[in-house]
Amino acid sequence: MRIKNYFKNFTVLAFFLFTFNSFTFAQTPNLTAPREQKLLNGLKLLVWANPGAEKVSVKLRIHSGSAFDPLAKEGVMTLLSEILFPNEVAREYFEQDLGGSLDVVSNYDYIQINATGGNDKILEILQALAGAVSTPQIDKDTTAKVRTANLEKIKELEKNPAYLADVAVAKRLFGSYPYGRPKFGTTETVSKLDFADILLAKQKFLTADNATLAVSGNVKFDFVYRAARRLFGGWEKADKKIPATFTQPDAPKTGMPVFVSPVEKTSEFRFALRGPARNDKDIYASQILERILQNRLQMREGKQAFVRQNTHFLPGFFVFGVSQWFVDSIKKEGNQISLPVTDGYQENFLKDPVKQEEFDKAKAEFLSALNQTDILDFWLDVDTFKLAPFKTEWQNAQNVSIADSQRVLEKLQKEAVAYILVFSGKKSDDATSTSKE
């Protein structure tokens, strides 16, 4: 009888442990390290052999983005990213012939091509990507088409008060520093760009030794390596690398400029503070703090409020935003605008120390989101942002304590604040675009 009960209890315990371990494993991404190899031209190759994968995923990242746009020529790197696949033909090919997808992402820190397809289509995928980056179609006609399409996108963005507010507060905080300039450019800067500007950017940054190729799927490393060597081997490397170093920006000006919104009866309030870079030791503590601060802001301002941390290779920043902020209370007569008092407004959210309850909630949400991160992107981040080895970074994220987030909060309390407001009352009152300091 005892033996029977023993086995019964053991079975229950084993089932519980199996269920618990299965749940834990399901919440943690595959931390298996890829096989690495570097081609003679400097291209780094990462390969995960995953026999159970339904499709193969290929990501090619160029470790330079719009932070390298020349002053008054903002938008160059975005045009470079879009000229790689300048029409819908390539995307249709990936969808219809390769059974997958194609997407190009461009931001301040990198350009990335994301492609998927059937596992048996890996050769065709690599061939398409290799042709795009090694021999892009940069000429007058193609540049004109891509530029026109981008100008239309920017015109639409500039009709959005929230976009204008985000751009304005970044400029207020950073000035002409790269993160203070629009990553897509403006209608003024993009309209002046020509194929020579894109060609120069290509020669400087679109090079094999400034890129990492990540492949995951039901593939064999040796096959992928031989294919990459044959297809990407002719991709040129740079004569010299250009470091991401820029003159540090001045402190933001005091006061709050007011910009006229293109939409009647709107109010977009923003304030921003500089924060840690992506490779800062406090980056994960700051990302947990971001969630804490958003909860605090929404407790006061409602769901139309947000806190967003923009992390970059060089120092990033926190943006606090509220849509329709005092929209019915702000009065405009001629060029005079009566505004709520904003001096010290940030103290409503920064003055109180981090509480254990809000930290635990924010950390759980952060780790849940982190566990859903595409593992290829995390490994690519290690190269782009010069991070510690992947497992070290992953462990650092798990080990963040409340004291770490409190330390970041105390740093933010000492940062200068940039304020801006995008506002429009009745259209008849906003005939001219004005800005008030």
Protein backbone atom coordinates (compact mmCIF):
# COMPACT_ATOMS: atom_id res chain seq x y z
CA MET A 1 0.00 0.00 0.00
CA ARG A 2 2.84 2.34 0.90
CA ILE A 3 4.60 1.53 -2.36
CA LYS A 4 1.39 2.22 -4.30
CA ASN A 5 0.92 5.59 -2.56
CA TYR A 6 4.60 6.39 -3.11
CA PHE A 7 4.31 5.90 -6.85
CA LYS A 8 1.04 7.86 -6.90
CA ASN A 9 2.66 10.81 -5.11
CA PHE A 10 5.77 10.56 -7.27
CA THR A 11 3.64 10.65 -10.42
CA VAL A 12 1.83 13.80 -9.26
CA LEU A 13 5.12 15.46 -8.34
CA ALA A 14 6.71 14.50 -11.65
CA PHE A 15 3.71 15.87 -13.55
CA PHE A 16 3.91 19.15 -11.61
CA LEU A 17 7.64 19.52 -12.24
CA PHE A 18 7.23 18.72 -15.92
CA THR A 19 4.41 21.25 -16.25
CA PHE A 20 6.39 23.92 -14.40
CA ASN A 21 9.54 23.34 -16.44
CA SER A 22 7.56 23.36 -19.67
CA PHE A 23 5.98 26.68 -18.73
CA THR A 24 9.34 28.17 -17.77
CA PHE A 25 10.92 26.99 -21.00
CA ALA A 26 8.03 28.36 -23.03
CA GLN A 27 8.62 31.78 -21.51
CA THR A 28 12.32 31.77 -22.41
CA PRO A 29 13.58 32.06 -25.98
CA ASN A 30 16.11 29.69 -27.45
CA LEU A 31 19.44 30.86 -26.03
CA THR A 32 21.50 28.49 -28.17
CA ALA A 33 24.47 30.32 -29.63
CA PRO A 34 24.72 30.37 -33.43
CA ARG A 35 27.69 29.11 -35.41
CA GLU A 36 29.76 32.09 -36.47
CA GLN A 37 32.07 32.73 -39.36
CA LYS A 38 33.56 35.81 -40.97
CA LEU A 39 34.11 36.15 -44.71
CA LEU A 40 37.36 37.57 -46.09
CA ASN A 41 35.59 40.86 -46.87
CA GLY A 42 34.59 41.25 -43.22
CA LEU A 43 30.94 40.15 -43.44
CA LYS A 44 29.96 38.36 -40.23
CA LEU A 45 27.73 35.29 -40.57
CA LEU A 46 25.52 33.85 -37.79
CA VAL A 47 23.63 30.60 -38.43
CA TRP A 48 21.10 28.76 -36.24
CA ALA A 49 20.24 25.25 -37.49
CA ASN A 50 16.63 24.66 -36.40
CA PRO A 51 15.26 21.41 -37.87
CA GLY A 52 11.74 22.16 -36.61
CA ALA A 53 11.44 25.53 -38.32
CA GLU A 54 8.65 25.86 -40.89
CA LYS A 55 10.45 28.69 -42.70
CA VAL A 56 13.90 30.14 -42.91
CA SER A 57 14.48 33.66 -41.56
CA VAL A 58 17.30 35.82 -42.91
CA LYS A 59 18.27 39.22 -41.48
CA LEU A 60 21.00 41.37 -42.95
CA ARG A 61 21.91 44.40 -40.86
CA ILE A 62 24.06 47.37 -41.90
CA HIS A 63 25.42 48.89 -38.70
CA SER A 64 24.89 52.54 -39.71
CA GLY A 65 21.67 54.53 -39.87
CA SER A 66 20.36 58.05 -40.26
CA ALA A 67 22.56 59.32 -37.42
CA PHE A 68 25.14 59.58 -40.21
CA ASP A 69 22.99 61.80 -42.43
CA PRO A 70 25.01 64.92 -43.34
CA LEU A 71 23.69 68.15 -41.84
CA ALA A 72 21.01 69.71 -44.09
CA LYS A 73 20.81 66.41 -46.01
CA GLU A 74 18.62 64.48 -43.60
CA GLY A 75 16.95 61.53 -45.29
CA VAL A 76 19.96 60.17 -47.18
CA MET A 77 20.24 56.90 -45.26
CA THR A 78 16.49 56.32 -45.50
CA LEU A 79 16.66 56.75 -49.28
CA LEU A 80 19.63 54.38 -49.38
CA SER A 81 17.59 51.74 -47.52
CA GLU A 82 14.62 52.10 -49.86
CA ILE A 83 16.64 52.06 -53.07
CA LEU A 84 17.82 48.52 -52.23
CA PHE A 85 14.40 47.22 -53.31
CA PRO A 86 12.92 50.25 -55.12
CA ASN A 87 9.61 48.70 -56.22
CA GLU A 88 7.06 46.04 -55.31
CA VAL A 89 8.42 43.43 -57.73
CA ALA A 90 10.90 42.04 -55.18
CA ARG A 91 8.27 41.83 -52.42
CA GLU A 92 5.87 40.03 -54.75
CA TYR A 93 8.69 37.61 -55.66
CA PHE A 94 9.29 36.80 -51.99
CA GLU A 95 5.58 36.33 -51.29
CA GLN A 96 4.53 34.43 -54.41
CA ASP A 97 7.65 32.50 -55.44
CA LEU A 98 9.50 32.01 -52.15
CA GLY A 99 6.48 31.67 -49.87
CA GLY A 100 7.71 34.33 -47.48
CA SER A 101 8.10 38.05 -47.00
CA LEU A 102 10.50 40.97 -47.45
CA ASP A 103 10.81 44.08 -45.34
CA VAL A 104 13.44 46.83 -44.98
CA VAL A 105 13.81 48.73 -41.69
CA SER A 106 15.77 51.96 -41.32
CA ASN A 107 16.37 53.98 -38.15
CA TYR A 108 19.04 56.15 -36.55
CA ASP A 109 21.36 53.21 -35.81
CA TYR A 110 21.05 50.72 -38.66
CA ILE A 111 19.48 49.54 -41.91
CA GLN A 112 18.10 46.00 -41.81
CA ILE A 113 16.64 43.70 -44.45
CA ASN A 114 14.26 41.07 -43.05
CA ALA A 115 13.40 38.17 -45.35
CA THR A 116 11.61 34.85 -44.92
CA GLY A 117 10.78 31.95 -47.19
CA GLY A 118 10.60 28.19 -47.45
CA ASN A 119 13.59 26.35 -46.01
CA ASP A 120 14.37 25.08 -49.51
CA LYS A 121 14.50 28.68 -50.79
CA ILE A 122 17.51 29.80 -48.75
CA LEU A 123 19.73 30.04 -51.83
CA GLU A 124 17.26 32.27 -53.68
CA ILE A 125 16.84 34.50 -50.60
CA LEU A 126 20.58 34.97 -50.16
CA GLN A 127 20.97 35.65 -53.87
CA ALA A 128 18.32 38.40 -53.80
CA LEU A 129 19.83 40.08 -50.73
CA ALA A 130 23.39 39.84 -52.03
CA GLY A 131 22.44 41.53 -55.31
CA ALA A 132 20.59 44.30 -53.48
CA VAL A 133 23.49 45.32 -51.24
CA SER A 134 26.50 44.62 -53.46
CA THR A 135 25.15 46.15 -56.69
CA PRO A 136 22.22 48.45 -55.76
CA GLN A 137 20.50 50.33 -58.57
CA ILE A 138 21.61 53.87 -57.74
CA ASP A 139 21.00 56.11 -60.74
CA LYS A 140 19.11 59.31 -61.56
CA ASP A 141 15.84 57.69 -62.56
CA THR A 142 15.63 55.24 -59.64
CA THR A 143 16.65 57.92 -57.17
CA ALA A 144 13.96 60.26 -58.49
CA LYS A 145 11.26 57.59 -58.05
CA VAL A 146 12.33 56.66 -54.54
CA ARG A 147 12.69 60.33 -53.55
CA THR A 148 9.20 61.16 -54.85
CA ALA A 149 7.69 58.25 -52.93
CA ASN A 150 9.49 59.31 -49.75
CA LEU A 151 8.39 62.92 -50.11
CA GLU A 152 4.77 61.76 -50.22
CA LYS A 153 5.26 59.77 -47.01
CA ILE A 154 6.88 62.73 -45.26
CA LYS A 155 4.10 65.09 -46.37
CA GLU A 156 1.57 62.75 -44.79
CA LEU A 157 3.62 62.51 -41.59
CA GLU A 158 3.88 66.29 -41.35
CA LYS A 159 0.08 66.49 -41.28
CA ASN A 160 0.11 64.50 -38.03
CA PRO A 161 0.32 66.70 -34.88
CA ALA A 162 1.80 63.83 -32.82
CA TYR A 163 4.63 63.34 -35.33
CA LEU A 164 5.34 67.08 -35.41
CA ALA A 165 5.46 67.12 -31.60
CA ASP A 166 7.90 64.20 -31.46
CA VAL A 167 10.19 65.85 -34.01
CA ALA A 168 9.99 69.23 -32.26
CA VAL A 169 10.83 67.94 -28.79
CA ALA A 170 13.80 65.93 -30.13
CA LYS A 171 15.13 69.06 -31.82
CA ARG A 172 14.56 71.07 -28.65
CA LEU A 173 16.53 68.52 -26.64
CA PHE A 174 19.39 67.84 -29.06
CA GLY A 175 19.53 70.70 -31.56
CA SER A 176 21.55 69.69 -34.65
CA TYR A 177 22.90 66.57 -32.92
CA PRO A 178 21.86 63.50 -35.00
CA TYR A 179 18.97 62.48 -32.73
CA GLY A 180 17.58 66.00 -32.91
CA ARG A 181 17.06 65.71 -36.68
CA PRO A 182 14.21 63.75 -38.34
CA LYS A 183 15.43 60.30 -39.39
CA PHE A 184 13.28 60.40 -42.54
CA GLY A 185 14.37 63.95 -43.35
CA THR A 186 12.00 66.79 -44.16
CA THR A 187 10.31 67.80 -47.40
CA GLU A 188 12.95 70.51 -47.73
CA THR A 189 16.01 68.30 -47.19
CA VAL A 190 14.79 65.26 -49.15
CA SER A 191 13.73 67.31 -52.19
CA LYS A 192 17.37 68.46 -52.58
CA LEU A 193 18.93 64.98 -52.50
CA ASP A 194 20.19 63.36 -55.69
CA PHE A 195 21.77 60.05 -56.65
CA ALA A 196 25.30 61.34 -55.92
CA ASP A 197 24.34 61.78 -52.23
CA ILE A 198 23.03 58.23 -52.05
CA LEU A 199 26.03 56.85 -53.90
CA LEU A 200 28.39 58.52 -51.43
CA ALA A 201 26.45 57.04 -48.49
CA LYS A 202 26.59 53.63 -50.17
CA GLN A 203 30.37 53.82 -50.56
CA LYS A 204 30.85 54.84 -46.92
CA PHE A 205 28.38 52.61 -45.12
CA LEU A 206 26.89 49.89 -47.34
CA THR A 207 29.97 47.69 -47.06
CA ALA A 208 30.56 44.05 -46.14
CA ASP A 209 32.69 44.81 -43.08
CA ASN A 210 29.89 47.01 -41.70
CA ALA A 211 27.28 44.24 -41.80
CA THR A 212 26.11 41.05 -40.10
CA LEU A 213 24.08 38.30 -41.80
CA ALA A 214 21.87 36.16 -39.52
CA VAL A 215 20.15 32.98 -40.74
CA SER A 216 17.81 30.69 -38.80
CA GLY A 217 15.85 27.71 -40.11
CA ASN A 218 15.99 24.10 -41.17
CA VAL A 219 19.34 24.65 -42.88
CA LYS A 220 22.88 23.31 -42.64
CA PHE A 221 25.69 25.64 -41.67
CA ASP A 222 28.15 24.40 -44.28
CA PHE A 223 25.66 24.96 -47.09
CA VAL A 224 24.78 28.48 -45.90
CA TYR A 225 28.44 29.37 -45.42
CA ARG A 226 29.41 28.22 -48.91
CA ALA A 227 26.44 30.08 -50.41
CA ALA A 228 27.25 33.26 -48.49
CA ARG A 229 30.89 33.10 -49.50
CA ARG A 230 29.95 32.71 -53.17
CA LEU A 231 27.12 35.27 -53.27
CA PHE A 232 28.45 37.92 -50.85
CA GLY A 233 32.14 37.38 -51.45
CA GLY A 234 32.29 40.12 -54.09
CA TRP A 235 30.69 42.70 -51.79
CA GLU A 236 33.28 45.41 -51.22
CA LYS A 237 34.62 46.36 -47.81
CA ALA A 238 35.21 49.94 -46.71
CA ASP A 239 38.56 51.69 -47.03
CA LYS A 240 38.11 52.86 -43.44
CA LYS A 241 35.37 52.73 -40.84
CA ILE A 242 33.61 55.90 -39.71
CA PRO A 243 33.12 55.96 -35.92
CA ALA A 244 29.80 57.07 -34.46
CA THR A 245 31.21 60.05 -32.56
CA PHE A 246 29.68 63.52 -32.64
CA THR A 247 30.12 66.77 -30.74
CA GLN A 248 27.90 66.59 -27.68
CA PRO A 249 24.81 68.84 -27.84
CA ASP A 250 24.29 71.91 -25.69
CA ALA A 251 21.78 71.82 -22.84
CA PRO A 252 18.20 72.47 -24.04
CA LYS A 253 16.83 76.00 -23.80
CA THR A 254 14.35 76.90 -21.09
CA GLY A 255 10.75 77.86 -21.83
CA MET A 256 8.20 76.15 -24.03
CA PRO A 257 7.82 77.00 -27.73
CA VAL A 258 4.34 76.56 -29.20
CA PHE A 259 3.91 75.29 -32.75
CA VAL A 260 0.72 75.53 -34.76
CA SER A 261 -0.95 72.18 -35.31
CA PRO A 262 -2.19 71.34 -38.83
CA VAL A 263 -5.33 69.85 -37.26
CA GLU A 264 -7.99 72.02 -35.64
CA LYS A 265 -8.64 71.64 -31.90
CA THR A 266 -5.57 69.57 -31.08
CA SER A 267 -2.94 69.78 -28.39
CA GLU A 268 0.20 67.62 -28.25
CA PHE A 269 2.35 68.28 -25.19
CA ARG A 270 5.84 66.83 -24.90
CA PHE A 271 8.77 67.04 -22.54
CA ALA A 272 12.00 65.10 -22.82
CA LEU A 273 15.16 64.29 -20.89
CA ARG A 274 18.38 62.64 -22.00
CA GLY A 275 18.88 59.03 -20.94
CA PRO A 276 21.36 56.16 -21.26
CA ALA A 277 22.74 54.74 -24.49
CA ARG A 278 21.84 51.23 -25.62
CA ASN A 279 25.18 49.88 -24.39
CA ASP A 280 25.02 51.63 -21.00
CA LYS A 281 25.15 49.34 -17.97
CA ASP A 282 21.87 50.86 -16.76
CA ILE A 283 19.92 50.29 -19.97
CA TYR A 284 17.72 47.47 -18.65
CA ALA A 285 17.05 49.27 -15.38
CA SER A 286 16.00 52.32 -17.42
CA GLN A 287 13.65 50.21 -19.57
CA ILE A 288 11.93 48.96 -16.44
CA LEU A 289 11.78 52.54 -15.16
CA GLU A 290 10.17 53.57 -18.46
CA ARG A 291 7.18 51.36 -17.61
CA ILE A 292 6.99 52.74 -14.07
CA LEU A 293 6.99 56.32 -15.32
CA GLN A 294 4.36 55.60 -17.95
CA ASN A 295 2.07 54.19 -15.28
CA ARG A 296 2.62 57.30 -13.15
CA LEU A 297 1.92 59.63 -16.07
CA GLN A 298 -1.24 57.77 -17.06
CA MET A 299 -2.48 57.83 -13.47
CA ARG A 300 -2.49 61.62 -13.76
CA GLU A 301 -3.22 62.28 -17.44
CA GLY A 302 -5.14 59.18 -18.57
CA LYS A 303 -4.58 56.71 -21.39
CA GLN A 304 -3.84 59.47 -23.90
CA ALA A 305 -0.46 59.87 -22.16
CA PHE A 306 2.71 57.86 -22.78
CA VAL A 307 6.38 57.56 -21.85
CA ARG A 308 8.75 56.33 -24.53
CA GLN A 309 12.45 55.68 -24.16
CA ASN A 310 14.43 56.06 -27.39
CA THR A 311 17.64 54.05 -27.07
CA HIS A 312 20.52 54.55 -29.48
CA PHE A 313 24.22 53.84 -29.95
CA LEU A 314 24.90 57.25 -28.44
CA PRO A 315 22.87 58.67 -25.52
CA GLY A 316 19.13 58.19 -25.92
CA PHE A 317 16.25 60.04 -24.31
CA PHE A 318 12.92 59.74 -22.53
CA VAL A 319 9.87 61.40 -24.09
CA PHE A 320 6.76 62.11 -22.01
CA GLY A 321 3.71 62.90 -24.12
CA VAL A 322 0.06 63.84 -23.60
CA SER A 323 -2.45 64.19 -26.43
CA GLN A 324 -5.23 66.78 -26.14
CA TRP A 325 -3.43 68.31 -23.16
CA PHE A 326 -5.60 71.18 -21.80
CA VAL A 327 -6.95 71.56 -25.34
CA ASP A 328 -10.11 73.31 -24.13
CA SER A 329 -8.31 75.52 -21.61
CA ILE A 330 -5.51 76.97 -23.73
CA LYS A 331 -6.51 80.33 -25.19
CA LYS A 332 -4.97 82.08 -28.18
CA GLU A 333 -5.53 85.71 -29.05
CA GLY A 334 -3.46 86.88 -32.00
CA ASN A 335 0.06 85.69 -31.27
CA GLN A 336 -0.51 85.54 -27.51
CA ILE A 337 -1.19 82.15 -25.95
CA SER A 338 -2.16 81.54 -22.34
CA LEU A 339 -0.55 78.31 -21.18
CA PRO A 340 -0.69 76.14 -18.06
CA VAL A 341 2.39 76.37 -15.86
CA THR A 342 4.93 73.73 -16.93
CA ASP A 343 7.98 74.64 -14.83
CA GLY A 344 8.70 71.63 -12.66
CA TYR A 345 5.93 69.58 -14.28
CA GLN A 346 8.24 66.58 -14.54
CA GLU A 347 8.58 66.43 -10.76
CA ASN A 348 5.06 65.00 -10.57
CA PHE A 349 6.49 61.76 -11.96
CA LEU A 350 10.18 61.84 -11.04
CA LYS A 351 10.26 63.03 -7.42
CA ASP A 352 8.93 59.89 -5.71
CA PRO A 353 11.31 56.96 -5.18
CA VAL A 354 10.62 53.68 -6.93
CA LYS A 355 8.27 51.53 -4.87
CA GLN A 356 8.70 47.77 -4.65
CA GLU A 357 5.20 47.03 -5.91
CA GLU A 358 5.51 49.18 -9.04
CA PHE A 359 9.00 47.84 -9.70
CA ASP A 360 7.88 44.20 -9.48
CA LYS A 361 4.99 44.83 -11.86
CA ALA A 362 7.16 46.76 -14.35
CA LYS A 363 9.96 44.19 -14.27
CA ALA A 364 7.55 41.32 -14.92
CA GLU A 365 6.13 43.19 -17.92
CA PHE A 366 9.63 44.02 -19.17
CA LEU A 367 10.87 40.43 -18.95
CA SER A 368 7.73 39.14 -20.64
CA ALA A 369 8.34 41.51 -23.56
CA LEU A 370 12.05 40.65 -23.62
CA ASN A 371 11.27 36.94 -23.84
CA GLN A 372 9.27 37.62 -27.00
CA THR A 373 12.15 39.45 -28.68
CA ASP A 374 13.34 37.87 -31.91
CA ILE A 375 16.58 36.18 -30.90
CA LEU A 376 18.23 37.16 -34.21
CA ASP A 377 17.57 40.84 -33.49
CA PHE A 378 19.12 40.54 -30.04
CA TRP A 379 22.28 38.99 -31.47
CA LEU A 380 22.42 41.68 -34.16
CA ASP A 381 22.12 44.32 -31.43
CA VAL A 382 25.28 42.94 -29.86
CA ASP A 383 27.18 43.91 -33.01
CA THR A 384 25.40 47.22 -33.70
CA PHE A 385 25.65 48.63 -30.20
CA LYS A 386 28.92 46.96 -29.14
CA LEU A 387 27.26 45.09 -26.28
CA ALA A 388 28.66 42.45 -23.98
CA PRO A 389 28.37 38.81 -25.12
CA PHE A 390 24.76 37.78 -25.63
CA LYS A 391 24.40 35.58 -22.53
CA THR A 392 25.93 38.29 -20.35
CA GLU A 393 23.44 40.84 -21.70
CA TRP A 394 20.56 38.43 -21.17
CA GLN A 395 21.63 37.73 -17.60
CA ASN A 396 22.08 41.44 -16.88
CA ALA A 397 18.46 42.01 -17.93
CA GLN A 398 17.24 39.31 -15.54
CA ASN A 399 19.31 40.65 -12.63
CA VAL A 400 18.04 44.25 -12.52
CA SER A 401 17.19 45.28 -8.95
CA ILE A 402 14.99 48.05 -7.59
CA ALA A 403 18.17 49.89 -6.56
CA ASP A 404 19.29 49.93 -10.21
CA SER A 405 16.06 51.55 -11.40
CA GLN A 406 16.18 54.01 -8.49
CA ARG A 407 19.71 55.02 -9.54
CA VAL A 408 18.48 55.78 -13.07
CA LEU A 409 15.58 57.79 -11.66
CA GLU A 410 17.95 59.90 -9.60
CA LYS A 411 20.02 60.61 -12.71
CA LEU A 412 16.90 61.72 -14.58
CA GLN A 413 16.00 64.09 -11.75
CA LYS A 414 19.20 66.02 -12.50
CA GLU A 415 18.66 66.21 -16.28
CA ALA A 416 17.61 69.43 -18.03
CA VAL A 417 14.10 69.23 -19.48
CA ALA A 418 12.98 70.26 -22.97
CA TYR A 419 9.32 71.28 -23.34
CA ILE A 420 7.24 71.88 -26.48
CA LEU A 421 3.56 72.17 -27.38
CA VAL A 422 1.83 71.67 -30.73
CA PHE A 423 -1.55 73.40 -30.53
CA SER A 424 -4.43 74.63 -32.62
CA GLY A 425 -7.67 76.19 -31.50
CA LYS A 426 -10.01 77.42 -34.19
CA LYS A 427 -8.45 77.58 -37.63
CA SER A 428 -9.35 81.23 -37.98
CA ASP A 429 -7.04 81.95 -35.04
CA ASP A 430 -4.12 80.00 -36.56
CA ALA A 431 -3.67 81.68 -39.93
CA THR A 432 0.05 82.09 -39.34
CA SER A 433 2.53 79.56 -38.04
CA THR A 434 3.97 80.94 -34.80
CA SER A 435 6.28 79.74 -32.11
CA LYS A 436 6.38 81.18 -28.65
CA GLU A 437 9.39 80.81 -26.36
